[in-house]
């Protein structure tokens, strides 16, 4: 009995209720005409698309730099890498890896500048990060119009300049991870999950290095960290750069699964679902684990996928987009107002 109470306390009742609600939707799916295999597959596909973006939050949270509301900065770096890859006509695994490699220098530069700004506003990181993220999207809206790209697959046909709002990667590196690993599947995104596992393992190993322990020490108690000789500002900048680089990689993985590169205002609110997912998974503002990422992403994407489908089949009316907006924003509101004591997240 004590072990059960301890497990419930660690998980937190809100997370248990969300998990039970999601399970109930899977259970009733066959009785209302929904293919359970397809429903589970849709959830896993969305998990594979979004997991690395959620994973990118871990370094900043661990260093006490706050929830990364400036994620669009890393996303913009990934978008730059993607359009450069397409401009150079790179296809297959070379195009995918090229997009990542081209994005990393931009992500490092953006993360370095972003980290220096956050060091100037300690205590107000999340508010300032939100403005930085929004500002980066606005600036890049201008850049997408003036950057000298010439690929006919990307520029506006009637004007001959400026990038389109949506660019297809169908002829470049759509679903390239599954194809490269010779595991094409419409149900299981094994390529994306493999990529997440690799990055997750790298982060897990990193936080067991000297720098990783220093980063966690800064997030846990910055005064103690300073007393032990740790350069707090330098560690915080490193964590921001890591988060920005992982976000850039995450959006490239998202694009190769989704099939399109979305520019202009598309990255505007991308940070909010990712932050909601990791908080639902049990993370706090200064502590996050890989398990929090896995649990939170699956629960959030599962609810977001299943709720509209189940409700539509019950009422026989297409309200999927309306329901998705209500559920998505409701879960984000819950996550951002959740008290840290709801669960330990271990």
C-alpha atoms as a PDB file:
ATOM      1  CA  UNK A   1       0.000   0.000   0.000  1.00  0.00           C
ATOM      2  CA  UNK A   2       2.808   2.398   0.887  1.00  0.00           C
ATOM      3  CA  UNK A   3       4.559   1.640  -2.398  1.00  0.00           C
ATOM      4  CA  UNK A   4       1.331   2.442  -4.298  1.00  0.00           C
ATOM      5  CA  UNK A   5       0.915   5.724  -2.427  1.00  0.00           C
ATOM      6  CA  UNK A   6       4.541   6.562  -3.119  1.00  0.00           C
ATOM      7  CA  UNK A   7       4.118   5.813  -6.838  1.00  0.00           C
ATOM      8  CA  UNK A   8       0.994   7.992  -7.005  1.00  0.00           C
ATOM      9  CA  UNK A   9       2.763  10.809  -5.186  1.00  0.00           C
ATOM     10  CA  UNK A  10       5.743  10.621  -7.537  1.00  0.00           C
ATOM     11  CA  UNK A  11       3.590  10.536 -10.652  1.00  0.00           C
ATOM     12  CA  UNK A  12       1.106  13.139  -9.461  1.00  0.00           C
ATOM     13  CA  UNK A  13      -2.674  12.822  -9.729  1.00  0.00           C
ATOM     14  CA  UNK A  14      -3.023  15.233 -12.684  1.00  0.00           C
ATOM     15  CA  UNK A  15      -0.641  13.109 -14.769  1.00  0.00           C
ATOM     16  CA  UNK A  16      -2.415   9.903 -13.747  1.00  0.00           C
ATOM     17  CA  UNK A  17      -5.807  11.381 -14.690  1.00  0.00           C
ATOM     18  CA  UNK A  18      -4.492  12.495 -18.098  1.00  0.00           C
ATOM     19  CA  UNK A  19      -3.021   9.024 -18.705  1.00  0.00           C
ATOM     20  CA  UNK A  20      -6.286   7.311 -17.696  1.00  0.00           C
ATOM     21  CA  UNK A  21      -8.280   9.661 -19.933  1.00  0.00           C
ATOM     22  CA  UNK A  22      -6.019   8.849 -22.881  1.00  0.00           C
ATOM     23  CA  UNK A  23      -6.267   5.121 -22.127  1.00  0.00           C
ATOM     24  CA  UNK A  24     -10.078   5.357 -22.018  1.00  0.00           C
ATOM     25  CA  UNK A  25     -10.117   6.922 -25.489  1.00  0.00           C
ATOM     26  CA  UNK A  26      -7.994   4.087 -26.857  1.00  0.00           C
ATOM     27  CA  UNK A  27     -10.325   1.541 -25.222  1.00  0.00           C
ATOM     28  CA  UNK A  28     -13.529   3.003 -26.667  1.00  0.00           C
ATOM     29  CA  UNK A  29     -12.037   3.580 -30.125  1.00  0.00           C
ATOM     30  CA  UNK A  30     -12.960   0.147 -31.585  1.00  0.00           C
ATOM     31  CA  UNK A  31     -16.559   0.554 -30.398  1.00  0.00           C
ATOM     32  CA  UNK A  32     -17.106   3.816 -32.297  1.00  0.00           C
ATOM     33  CA  UNK A  33     -15.512   2.776 -35.578  1.00  0.00           C
ATOM     34  CA  UNK A  34     -11.910   3.907 -35.029  1.00  0.00           C
ATOM     35  CA  UNK A  35      -9.102   1.545 -35.990  1.00  0.00           C
ATOM     36  CA  UNK A  36      -7.047   1.172 -32.807  1.00  0.00           C
ATOM     37  CA  UNK A  37      -3.852   0.330 -34.695  1.00  0.00           C
ATOM     38  CA  UNK A  38      -4.180   3.455 -36.818  1.00  0.00           C
ATOM     39  CA  UNK A  39      -4.996   5.601 -33.788  1.00  0.00           C
ATOM     40  CA  UNK A  40      -1.936   4.366 -31.909  1.00  0.00           C
ATOM     41  CA  UNK A  41       0.147   4.830 -35.040  1.00  0.00           C
ATOM     42  CA  UNK A  42      -0.981   8.449 -35.392  1.00  0.00           C
ATOM     43  CA  UNK A  43       0.040   9.128 -31.799  1.00  0.00           C
ATOM     44  CA  UNK A  44       3.458   7.573 -32.318  1.00  0.00           C
ATOM     45  CA  UNK A  45       3.989   9.526 -35.535  1.00  0.00           C
ATOM     46  CA  UNK A  46       3.264  12.786 -33.719  1.00  0.00           C
ATOM     47  CA  UNK A  47       5.519  11.644 -30.875  1.00  0.00           C
ATOM     48  CA  UNK A  48       8.385  11.033 -33.301  1.00  0.00           C
ATOM     49  CA  UNK A  49       7.865  14.419 -34.956  1.00  0.00           C
ATOM     50  CA  UNK A  50       7.848  16.408 -31.719  1.00  0.00           C
ATOM     51  CA  UNK A  51      10.011  14.512 -29.228  1.00  0.00           C
ATOM     52  CA  UNK A  52      13.331  16.151 -30.147  1.00  0.00           C
ATOM     53  CA  UNK A  53      11.806  19.629 -29.904  1.00  0.00           C
ATOM     54  CA  UNK A  54      10.667  18.768 -26.379  1.00  0.00           C
ATOM     55  CA  UNK A  55      14.081  17.257 -25.645  1.00  0.00           C
ATOM     56  CA  UNK A  56      15.709  20.595 -26.541  1.00  0.00           C
ATOM     57  CA  UNK A  57      14.216  22.116 -23.383  1.00  0.00           C
ATOM     58  CA  UNK A  58      16.235  19.884 -21.031  1.00  0.00           C
ATOM     59  CA  UNK A  59      19.632  21.683 -21.020  1.00  0.00           C
ATOM     60  CA  UNK A  60      18.151  25.119 -20.273  1.00  0.00           C
ATOM     61  CA  UNK A  61      15.856  23.761 -17.575  1.00  0.00           C
ATOM     62  CA  UNK A  62      18.715  21.852 -15.936  1.00  0.00           C
ATOM     63  CA  UNK A  63      20.900  24.971 -15.807  1.00  0.00           C
ATOM     64  CA  UNK A  64      18.121  27.023 -14.194  1.00  0.00           C
ATOM     65  CA  UNK A  65      17.802  29.277 -17.248  1.00  0.00           C
ATOM     66  CA  UNK A  66      14.065  28.662 -17.335  1.00  0.00           C
ATOM     67  CA  UNK A  67      11.619  27.189 -19.795  1.00  0.00           C
ATOM     68  CA  UNK A  68      12.830  27.940 -23.295  1.00  0.00           C
ATOM     69  CA  UNK A  69      10.108  30.212 -24.648  1.00  0.00           C
ATOM     70  CA  UNK A  70      12.755  31.415 -27.098  1.00  0.00           C
ATOM     71  CA  UNK A  71      12.694  28.066 -28.909  1.00  0.00           C
ATOM     72  CA  UNK A  72      11.670  29.764 -32.203  1.00  0.00           C
ATOM     73  CA  UNK A  73      15.254  31.042 -32.359  1.00  0.00           C
ATOM     74  CA  UNK A  74      16.537  27.466 -32.692  1.00  0.00           C
ATOM     75  CA  UNK A  75      13.672  26.596 -35.034  1.00  0.00           C
ATOM     76  CA  UNK A  76      14.632  29.493 -37.322  1.00  0.00           C
ATOM     77  CA  UNK A  77      18.214  28.170 -37.413  1.00  0.00           C
ATOM     78  CA  UNK A  78      16.856  24.766 -38.478  1.00  0.00           C
ATOM     79  CA  UNK A  79      14.693  26.389 -41.151  1.00  0.00           C
ATOM     80  CA  UNK A  80      17.737  28.233 -42.508  1.00  0.00           C
ATOM     81  CA  UNK A  81      19.629  24.950 -42.730  1.00  0.00           C
ATOM     82  CA  UNK A  82      16.686  23.298 -44.476  1.00  0.00           C
ATOM     83  CA  UNK A  83      16.268  25.944 -47.186  1.00  0.00           C
ATOM     84  CA  UNK A  84      20.042  26.036 -47.809  1.00  0.00           C
ATOM     85  CA  UNK A  85      19.984  22.244 -48.277  1.00  0.00           C
ATOM     86  CA  UNK A  86      17.118  22.545 -50.757  1.00  0.00           C
ATOM     87  CA  UNK A  87      18.824  25.455 -52.538  1.00  0.00           C
ATOM     88  CA  UNK A  88      21.880  23.223 -53.077  1.00  0.00           C
ATOM     89  CA  UNK A  89      19.605  20.456 -54.439  1.00  0.00           C
ATOM     90  CA  UNK A  90      20.767  17.948 -51.820  1.00  0.00           C
ATOM     91  CA  UNK A  91      18.557  14.876 -51.639  1.00  0.00           C
ATOM     92  CA  UNK A  92      18.175  11.751 -49.513  1.00  0.00           C
ATOM     93  CA  UNK A  93      20.238  11.306 -46.390  1.00  0.00           C
ATOM     94  CA  UNK A  94      22.775  13.837 -47.717  1.00  0.00           C
ATOM     95  CA  UNK A  95      20.051  16.488 -47.903  1.00  0.00           C
ATOM     96  CA  UNK A  96      18.791  15.692 -44.413  1.00  0.00           C
ATOM     97  CA  UNK A  97      22.251  15.705 -42.849  1.00  0.00           C
ATOM     98  CA  UNK A  98      23.143  18.780 -44.874  1.00  0.00           C
ATOM     99  CA  UNK A  99      20.134  20.623 -43.448  1.00  0.00           C
ATOM    100  CA  UNK A 100      21.281  19.740 -39.919  1.00  0.00           C
ATOM    101  CA  UNK A 101      24.925  20.648 -40.553  1.00  0.00           C
ATOM    102  CA  UNK A 102      24.011  23.971 -42.166  1.00  0.00           C
ATOM    103  CA  UNK A 103      21.696  24.804 -39.287  1.00  0.00           C
ATOM    104  CA  UNK A 104      24.195  24.136 -36.476  1.00  0.00           C
ATOM    105  CA  UNK A 105      26.456  27.213 -37.042  1.00  0.00           C
ATOM    106  CA  UNK A 106      23.374  29.465 -37.080  1.00  0.00           C
ATOM    107  CA  UNK A 107      22.039  27.748 -33.944  1.00  0.00           C
ATOM    108  CA  UNK A 108      25.368  28.183 -32.140  1.00  0.00           C
ATOM    109  CA  UNK A 109      25.508  31.883 -33.060  1.00  0.00           C
ATOM    110  CA  UNK A 110      21.862  32.499 -32.135  1.00  0.00           C
ATOM    111  CA  UNK A 111      22.253  30.526 -28.897  1.00  0.00           C
ATOM    112  CA  UNK A 112      25.390  32.451 -27.929  1.00  0.00           C
ATOM    113  CA  UNK A 113      23.644  35.806 -28.404  1.00  0.00           C
ATOM    114  CA  UNK A 114      20.481  34.494 -26.708  1.00  0.00           C
ATOM    115  CA  UNK A 115      22.498  33.233 -23.719  1.00  0.00           C
ATOM    116  CA  UNK A 116      24.257  36.567 -23.244  1.00  0.00           C
ATOM    117  CA  UNK A 117      20.891  38.372 -23.238  1.00  0.00           C
ATOM    118  CA  UNK A 118      19.433  35.958 -20.668  1.00  0.00           C
ATOM    119  CA  UNK A 119      22.465  36.467 -18.426  1.00  0.00           C
ATOM    120  CA  UNK A 120      21.622  40.173 -18.353  1.00  0.00           C
ATOM    121  CA  UNK A 121      18.053  39.542 -17.146  1.00  0.00           C
ATOM    122  CA  UNK A 122      18.433  36.834 -14.485  1.00  0.00           C
ATOM    123  CA  UNK A 123      15.121  36.211 -12.807  1.00  0.00           C
ATOM    124  CA  UNK A 124      13.087  37.315 -15.807  1.00  0.00           C
ATOM    125  CA  UNK A 125      14.388  34.805 -18.347  1.00  0.00           C
ATOM    126  CA  UNK A 126      11.055  33.336 -19.382  1.00  0.00           C
ATOM    127  CA  UNK A 127       9.421  36.680 -20.137  1.00  0.00           C
ATOM    128  CA  UNK A 128      12.420  37.987 -22.078  1.00  0.00           C
ATOM    129  CA  UNK A 129      12.810  34.637 -23.879  1.00  0.00           C
ATOM    130  CA  UNK A 130       9.218  34.906 -25.107  1.00  0.00           C
ATOM    131  CA  UNK A 131       9.905  38.303 -26.653  1.00  0.00           C
ATOM    132  CA  UNK A 132      13.169  37.058 -28.152  1.00  0.00           C
ATOM    133  CA  UNK A 133      11.344  34.142 -29.757  1.00  0.00           C
ATOM    134  CA  UNK A 134       8.586  36.338 -31.157  1.00  0.00           C
ATOM    135  CA  UNK A 135      11.084  38.942 -32.370  1.00  0.00           C
ATOM    136  CA  UNK A 136      13.187  36.329 -34.153  1.00  0.00           C
ATOM    137  CA  UNK A 137      10.120  35.143 -36.071  1.00  0.00           C
ATOM    138  CA  UNK A 138       9.289  38.720 -37.103  1.00  0.00           C
ATOM    139  CA  UNK A 139      12.853  39.407 -38.256  1.00  0.00           C
ATOM    140  CA  UNK A 140      12.990  36.174 -40.231  1.00  0.00           C
ATOM    141  CA  UNK A 141       9.684  37.028 -41.943  1.00  0.00           C
ATOM    142  CA  UNK A 142      11.626  39.875 -43.569  1.00  0.00           C
ATOM    143  CA  UNK A 143      14.681  37.719 -44.236  1.00  0.00           C
ATOM    144  CA  UNK A 144      12.673  35.044 -46.062  1.00  0.00           C
ATOM    145  CA  UNK A 145      11.688  37.751 -48.555  1.00  0.00           C
ATOM    146  CA  UNK A 146      15.129  39.264 -49.121  1.00  0.00           C
ATOM    147  CA  UNK A 147      17.579  36.346 -48.867  1.00  0.00           C
ATOM    148  CA  UNK A 148      18.991  35.506 -52.324  1.00  0.00           C
ATOM    149  CA  UNK A 149      17.556  32.029 -52.814  1.00  0.00           C
ATOM    150  CA  UNK A 150      16.936  30.993 -56.428  1.00  0.00           C
ATOM    151  CA  UNK A 151      15.524  27.452 -56.292  1.00  0.00           C
ATOM    152  CA  UNK A 152      12.303  27.228 -58.306  1.00  0.00           C
ATOM    153  CA  UNK A 153      10.939  24.840 -55.674  1.00  0.00           C
ATOM    154  CA  UNK A 154      11.098  27.566 -53.017  1.00  0.00           C
ATOM    155  CA  UNK A 155      10.590  31.047 -54.500  1.00  0.00           C
ATOM    156  CA  UNK A 156       7.253  32.618 -55.342  1.00  0.00           C
ATOM    157  CA  UNK A 157       6.377  31.827 -58.972  1.00  0.00           C
ATOM    158  CA  UNK A 158       4.669  35.127 -59.812  1.00  0.00           C
ATOM    159  CA  UNK A 159       7.351  37.414 -58.368  1.00  0.00           C
ATOM    160  CA  UNK A 160      10.488  35.385 -58.923  1.00  0.00           C
ATOM    161  CA  UNK A 161      11.862  36.230 -55.482  1.00  0.00           C
ATOM    162  CA  UNK A 162      11.061  35.653 -51.833  1.00  0.00           C
ATOM    163  CA  UNK A 163      10.467  32.218 -50.317  1.00  0.00           C
ATOM    164  CA  UNK A 164       7.056  30.573 -50.268  1.00  0.00           C
ATOM    165  CA  UNK A 165       5.150  30.069 -47.053  1.00  0.00           C
ATOM    166  CA  UNK A 166       5.266  26.280 -47.409  1.00  0.00           C
ATOM    167  CA  UNK A 167       8.000  24.370 -49.234  1.00  0.00           C
ATOM    168  CA  UNK A 168       7.682  20.680 -50.015  1.00  0.00           C
ATOM    169  CA  UNK A 169      10.570  18.315 -49.258  1.00  0.00           C
ATOM    170  CA  UNK A 170       8.908  15.438 -51.124  1.00  0.00           C
ATOM    171  CA  UNK A 171      11.639  15.362 -53.785  1.00  0.00           C
ATOM    172  CA  UNK A 172      14.435  15.985 -51.300  1.00  0.00           C
ATOM    173  CA  UNK A 173      14.366  14.203 -47.943  1.00  0.00           C
ATOM    174  CA  UNK A 174      10.794  13.317 -47.003  1.00  0.00           C
ATOM    175  CA  UNK A 175      10.736  10.309 -44.613  1.00  0.00           C
ATOM    176  CA  UNK A 176      14.442   9.847 -45.303  1.00  0.00           C
ATOM    177  CA  UNK A 177      15.179   8.413 -41.845  1.00  0.00           C
ATOM    178  CA  UNK A 178      12.861   5.451 -42.347  1.00  0.00           C
ATOM    179  CA  UNK A 179      14.114   4.939 -45.914  1.00  0.00           C
ATOM    180  CA  UNK A 180      17.751   5.130 -44.868  1.00  0.00           C
ATOM    181  CA  UNK A 181      17.193   2.577 -42.095  1.00  0.00           C
ATOM    182  CA  UNK A 182      15.183   0.391 -44.553  1.00  0.00           C
ATOM    183  CA  UNK A 183      12.156   0.424 -42.261  1.00  0.00           C
ATOM    184  CA  UNK A 184       9.447   2.282 -44.234  1.00  0.00           C
ATOM    185  CA  UNK A 185       6.253   2.326 -42.204  1.00  0.00           C
ATOM    186  CA  UNK A 186       3.161   4.522 -42.105  1.00  0.00           C
ATOM    187  CA  UNK A 187       2.388   3.403 -38.560  1.00  0.00           C
ATOM    188  CA  UNK A 188       5.673   3.420 -36.636  1.00  0.00           C
ATOM    189  CA  UNK A 189       8.088   6.363 -37.105  1.00  0.00           C
ATOM    190  CA  UNK A 190      11.083   4.196 -36.233  1.00  0.00           C
ATOM    191  CA  UNK A 191      13.549   6.533 -37.933  1.00  0.00           C
ATOM    192  CA  UNK A 192      12.444   9.535 -35.874  1.00  0.00           C
ATOM    193  CA  UNK A 193      12.374   7.474 -32.687  1.00  0.00           C
ATOM    194  CA  UNK A 194      15.885   6.175 -33.430  1.00  0.00           C
ATOM    195  CA  UNK A 195      17.082   9.767 -33.893  1.00  0.00           C
ATOM    196  CA  UNK A 196      15.450  10.756 -30.593  1.00  0.00           C
ATOM    197  CA  UNK A 197      17.066   7.817 -28.792  1.00  0.00           C
ATOM    198  CA  UNK A 198      20.501   8.781 -30.127  1.00  0.00           C
ATOM    199  CA  UNK A 199      20.145  12.427 -29.079  1.00  0.00           C
ATOM    200  CA  UNK A 200      18.625  11.414 -25.757  1.00  0.00           C
ATOM    201  CA  UNK A 201      21.585   9.104 -25.079  1.00  0.00           C
ATOM    202  CA  UNK A 202      24.023  11.906 -25.927  1.00  0.00           C
ATOM    203  CA  UNK A 203      22.295  14.265 -23.484  1.00  0.00           C
ATOM    204  CA  UNK A 204      22.134  11.546 -20.807  1.00  0.00           C
ATOM    205  CA  UNK A 205      25.878  10.968 -21.183  1.00  0.00           C
ATOM    206  CA  UNK A 206      26.610  14.700 -21.249  1.00  0.00           C
ATOM    207  CA  UNK A 207      24.919  15.246 -17.890  1.00  0.00           C
ATOM    208  CA  UNK A 208      27.286  12.699 -16.408  1.00  0.00           C
ATOM    209  CA  UNK A 209      30.343  14.646 -17.488  1.00  0.00           C
ATOM    210  CA  UNK A 210      32.060  17.375 -15.490  1.00  0.00           C
ATOM    211  CA  UNK A 211      30.334  20.119 -17.493  1.00  0.00           C
ATOM    212  CA  UNK A 212      26.987  18.362 -17.149  1.00  0.00           C
ATOM    213  CA  UNK A 213      27.282  18.128 -13.371  1.00  0.00           C
ATOM    214  CA  UNK A 214      28.280  21.791 -13.275  1.00  0.00           C
ATOM    215  CA  UNK A 215      25.199  22.660 -15.315  1.00  0.00           C
ATOM    216  CA  UNK A 216      22.922  20.787 -12.913  1.00  0.00           C
ATOM    217  CA  UNK A 217      24.653  22.420  -9.943  1.00  0.00           C
ATOM    218  CA  UNK A 218      23.965  25.877 -11.387  1.00  0.00           C
ATOM    219  CA  UNK A 219      20.300  25.000 -11.851  1.00  0.00           C
ATOM    220  CA  UNK A 220      19.954  23.502  -8.373  1.00  0.00           C
ATOM    221  CA  UNK A 221      21.805  26.126  -6.337  1.00  0.00           C
ATOM    222  CA  UNK A 222      23.679  28.863  -8.158  1.00  0.00           C
ATOM    223  CA  UNK A 223      25.218  30.251  -4.953  1.00  0.00           C
ATOM    224  CA  UNK A 224      26.721  26.875  -4.089  1.00  0.00           C
ATOM    225  CA  UNK A 225      27.902  26.485  -7.688  1.00  0.00           C
ATOM    226  CA  UNK A 226      29.583  29.892  -7.567  1.00  0.00           C
ATOM    227  CA  UNK A 227      31.247  29.004  -4.258  1.00  0.00           C
ATOM    228  CA  UNK A 228      32.760  25.896  -5.849  1.00  0.00           C
ATOM    229  CA  UNK A 229      34.353  27.988  -8.608  1.00  0.00           C
ATOM    230  CA  UNK A 230      31.873  27.337 -11.419  1.00  0.00           C
ATOM    231  CA  UNK A 231      31.525  30.167 -13.960  1.00  0.00           C
ATOM    232  CA  UNK A 232      27.731  30.471 -13.810  1.00  0.00           C
ATOM    233  CA  UNK A 233      27.310  32.784 -16.796  1.00  0.00           C
ATOM    234  CA  UNK A 234      29.470  30.586 -19.006  1.00  0.00           C
ATOM    235  CA  UNK A 235      27.564  27.443 -18.031  1.00  0.00           C
ATOM    236  CA  UNK A 236      24.212  29.140 -18.671  1.00  0.00           C
ATOM    237  CA  UNK A 237      25.357  30.233 -22.137  1.00  0.00           C
ATOM    238  CA  UNK A 238      26.460  26.662 -22.908  1.00  0.00           C
ATOM    239  CA  UNK A 239      23.049  25.330 -21.905  1.00  0.00           C
ATOM    240  CA  UNK A 240      21.258  27.877 -24.090  1.00  0.00           C
ATOM    241  CA  UNK A 241      23.479  27.011 -27.043  1.00  0.00           C
ATOM    242  CA  UNK A 242      22.780  23.303 -26.511  1.00  0.00           C
ATOM    243  CA  UNK A 243      19.028  23.877 -26.391  1.00  0.00           C
ATOM    244  CA  UNK A 244      19.145  26.026 -29.516  1.00  0.00           C
ATOM    245  CA  UNK A 245      21.182  23.452 -31.468  1.00  0.00           C
ATOM    246  CA  UNK A 246      18.874  20.580 -30.443  1.00  0.00           C
ATOM    247  CA  UNK A 247      15.806  22.653 -31.393  1.00  0.00           C
ATOM    248  CA  UNK A 248      17.363  23.248 -34.832  1.00  0.00           C
ATOM    249  CA  UNK A 249      17.910  19.498 -35.269  1.00  0.00           C
ATOM    250  CA  UNK A 250      14.394  18.839 -33.948  1.00  0.00           C
ATOM    251  CA  UNK A 251      12.687  21.015 -36.545  1.00  0.00           C
ATOM    252  CA  UNK A 252      14.633  19.337 -39.381  1.00  0.00           C
ATOM    253  CA  UNK A 253      13.479  15.932 -38.102  1.00  0.00           C
ATOM    254  CA  UNK A 254       9.939  17.339 -37.853  1.00  0.00           C
ATOM    255  CA  UNK A 255      10.109  18.575 -41.460  1.00  0.00           C
ATOM    256  CA  UNK A 256      11.366  15.303 -42.923  1.00  0.00           C
ATOM    257  CA  UNK A 257       8.432  13.529 -41.249  1.00  0.00           C
ATOM    258  CA  UNK A 258       5.813  16.190 -42.017  1.00  0.00           C
ATOM    259  CA  UNK A 259       6.924  16.638 -45.626  1.00  0.00           C
ATOM    260  CA  UNK A 260       7.041  20.432 -45.673  1.00  0.00           C
ATOM    261  CA  UNK A 261       9.207  23.321 -44.529  1.00  0.00           C
ATOM    262  CA  UNK A 262       6.918  25.983 -43.043  1.00  0.00           C
ATOM    263  CA  UNK A 263       8.289  29.518 -42.911  1.00  0.00           C
ATOM    264  CA  UNK A 264       7.156  32.996 -41.821  1.00  0.00           C
ATOM    265  CA  UNK A 265       4.741  32.776 -38.833  1.00  0.00           C
ATOM    266  CA  UNK A 266       4.763  28.968 -38.534  1.00  0.00           C
ATOM    267  CA  UNK A 267       7.376  28.859 -35.689  1.00  0.00           C
ATOM    268  CA  UNK A 268       5.609  31.601 -33.698  1.00  0.00           C
ATOM    269  CA  UNK A 269       3.986  29.402 -31.041  1.00  0.00           C
ATOM    270  CA  UNK A 270       6.081  26.233 -31.366  1.00  0.00           C
ATOM    271  CA  UNK A 271       7.588  26.641 -27.902  1.00  0.00           C
ATOM    272  CA  UNK A 272       4.257  26.449 -26.057  1.00  0.00           C
ATOM    273  CA  UNK A 273       3.214  22.855 -26.905  1.00  0.00           C
ATOM    274  CA  UNK A 274       6.760  21.617 -26.231  1.00  0.00           C
ATOM    275  CA  UNK A 275       6.864  23.350 -22.846  1.00  0.00           C
ATOM    276  CA  UNK A 276       3.413  22.059 -21.963  1.00  0.00           C
ATOM    277  CA  UNK A 277       4.474  18.522 -22.872  1.00  0.00           C
ATOM    278  CA  UNK A 278       7.583  18.484 -20.690  1.00  0.00           C
ATOM    279  CA  UNK A 279       5.719  20.008 -17.733  1.00  0.00           C
ATOM    280  CA  UNK A 280       2.929  17.458 -18.083  1.00  0.00           C
ATOM    281  CA  UNK A 281       5.666  14.828 -18.110  1.00  0.00           C
ATOM    282  CA  UNK A 282       6.723  15.911 -14.620  1.00  0.00           C
ATOM    283  CA  UNK A 283       9.468  18.474 -15.173  1.00  0.00           C
ATOM    284  CA  UNK A 284       9.730  21.673 -13.133  1.00  0.00           C
ATOM    285  CA  UNK A 285      11.308  25.013 -14.011  1.00  0.00           C
ATOM    286  CA  UNK A 286      14.752  23.815 -12.875  1.00  0.00           C
ATOM    287  CA  UNK A 287      14.656  20.031 -13.208  1.00  0.00           C
ATOM    288  CA  UNK A 288      13.906  17.844 -16.226  1.00  0.00           C
ATOM    289  CA  UNK A 289      14.797  14.318 -17.286  1.00  0.00           C
ATOM    290  CA  UNK A 290      14.607  12.266 -20.474  1.00  0.00           C
ATOM    291  CA  UNK A 291      11.723  10.337 -18.877  1.00  0.00           C
ATOM    292  CA  UNK A 292       9.791  13.598 -18.446  1.00  0.00           C
ATOM    293  CA  UNK A 293      10.261  14.215 -22.173  1.00  0.00           C
ATOM    294  CA  UNK A 294       9.036  10.746 -23.191  1.00  0.00           C
ATOM    295  CA  UNK A 295       6.014  10.652 -20.864  1.00  0.00           C
ATOM    296  CA  UNK A 296       4.982  14.254 -21.480  1.00  0.00           C
ATOM    297  CA  UNK A 297       5.306  14.117 -25.269  1.00  0.00           C
ATOM    298  CA  UNK A 298       3.316  10.878 -25.504  1.00  0.00           C
ATOM    299  CA  UNK A 299       0.526  12.140 -23.214  1.00  0.00           C
ATOM    300  CA  UNK A 300       0.278  15.549 -24.866  1.00  0.00           C
ATOM    301  CA  UNK A 301       0.373  14.275 -28.446  1.00  0.00           C
ATOM    302  CA  UNK A 302      -1.899  11.364 -27.573  1.00  0.00           C
ATOM    303  CA  UNK A 303      -4.602  13.638 -26.153  1.00  0.00           C
ATOM    304  CA  UNK A 304      -4.142  16.066 -29.057  1.00  0.00           C
ATOM    305  CA  UNK A 305      -4.535  13.241 -31.583  1.00  0.00           C
ATOM    306  CA  UNK A 306      -7.274  11.158 -30.014  1.00  0.00           C
ATOM    307  CA  UNK A 307      -9.696  13.717 -28.591  1.00  0.00           C
ATOM    308  CA  UNK A 308     -10.821  15.252 -31.924  1.00  0.00           C
ATOM    309  CA  UNK A 309     -11.045  11.818 -33.569  1.00  0.00           C
ATOM    310  CA  UNK A 310     -13.145  10.292 -30.796  1.00  0.00           C
ATOM    311  CA  UNK A 311     -15.460  13.304 -30.433  1.00  0.00           C
ATOM    312  CA  UNK A 312     -15.974  13.548 -34.213  1.00  0.00           C
ATOM    313  CA  UNK A 313     -16.976   9.886 -34.404  1.00  0.00           C
ATOM    314  CA  UNK A 314     -19.382  10.246 -31.489  1.00  0.00           C
ATOM    315  CA  UNK A 315     -21.211  13.385 -32.673  1.00  0.00           C
ATOM    316  CA  UNK A 316     -20.762  12.631 -36.404  1.00  0.00           C
ATOM    317  CA  UNK A 317     -19.634  16.183 -37.146  1.00  0.00           C
ATOM    318  CA  UNK A 318     -16.221  17.449 -38.185  1.00  0.00           C
ATOM    319  CA  UNK A 319     -15.103  19.687 -35.338  1.00  0.00           C
ATOM    320  CA  UNK A 320     -11.542  18.401 -35.292  1.00  0.00           C
ATOM    321  CA  UNK A 321      -9.783  21.745 -35.619  1.00  0.00           C
ATOM    322  CA  UNK A 322     -11.977  23.456 -33.014  1.00  0.00           C
ATOM    323  CA  UNK A 323     -11.545  20.588 -30.562  1.00  0.00           C
ATOM    324  CA  UNK A 324      -7.795  20.434 -31.233  1.00  0.00           C
ATOM    325  CA  UNK A 325      -7.432  24.140 -30.433  1.00  0.00           C
ATOM    326  CA  UNK A 326      -9.481  23.807 -27.223  1.00  0.00           C
ATOM    327  CA  UNK A 327      -7.600  20.708 -26.034  1.00  0.00           C
ATOM    328  CA  UNK A 328      -4.171  22.043 -27.012  1.00  0.00           C
ATOM    329  CA  UNK A 329      -4.589  25.414 -25.326  1.00  0.00           C
ATOM    330  CA  UNK A 330      -6.315  23.848 -22.316  1.00  0.00           C
ATOM    331  CA  UNK A 331      -3.399  21.483 -21.739  1.00  0.00           C
ATOM    332  CA  UNK A 332      -0.905  24.300 -22.206  1.00  0.00           C
ATOM    333  CA  UNK A 333      -2.805  26.391 -19.645  1.00  0.00           C
ATOM    334  CA  UNK A 334      -2.815  23.464 -17.202  1.00  0.00           C
ATOM    335  CA  UNK A 335       0.896  22.817 -17.679  1.00  0.00           C
ATOM    336  CA  UNK A 336       1.978  26.413 -17.259  1.00  0.00           C
ATOM    337  CA  UNK A 337      -0.121  26.932 -14.109  1.00  0.00           C
ATOM    338  CA  UNK A 338       0.699  23.555 -12.530  1.00  0.00           C
ATOM    339  CA  UNK A 339       2.278  23.774  -9.112  1.00  0.00           C
ATOM    340  CA  UNK A 340       5.690  22.157  -8.894  1.00  0.00           C
ATOM    341  CA  UNK A 341       4.564  19.990  -6.030  1.00  0.00           C
ATOM    342  CA  UNK A 342       2.209  18.030  -8.244  1.00  0.00           C
ATOM    343  CA  UNK A 343       4.835  15.391  -8.681  1.00  0.00           C
ATOM    344  CA  UNK A 344       8.516  14.946  -8.438  1.00  0.00           C
ATOM    345  CA  UNK A 345       8.944  13.972 -12.045  1.00  0.00           C
ATOM    346  CA  UNK A 346      11.538  11.384 -11.222  1.00  0.00           C
END
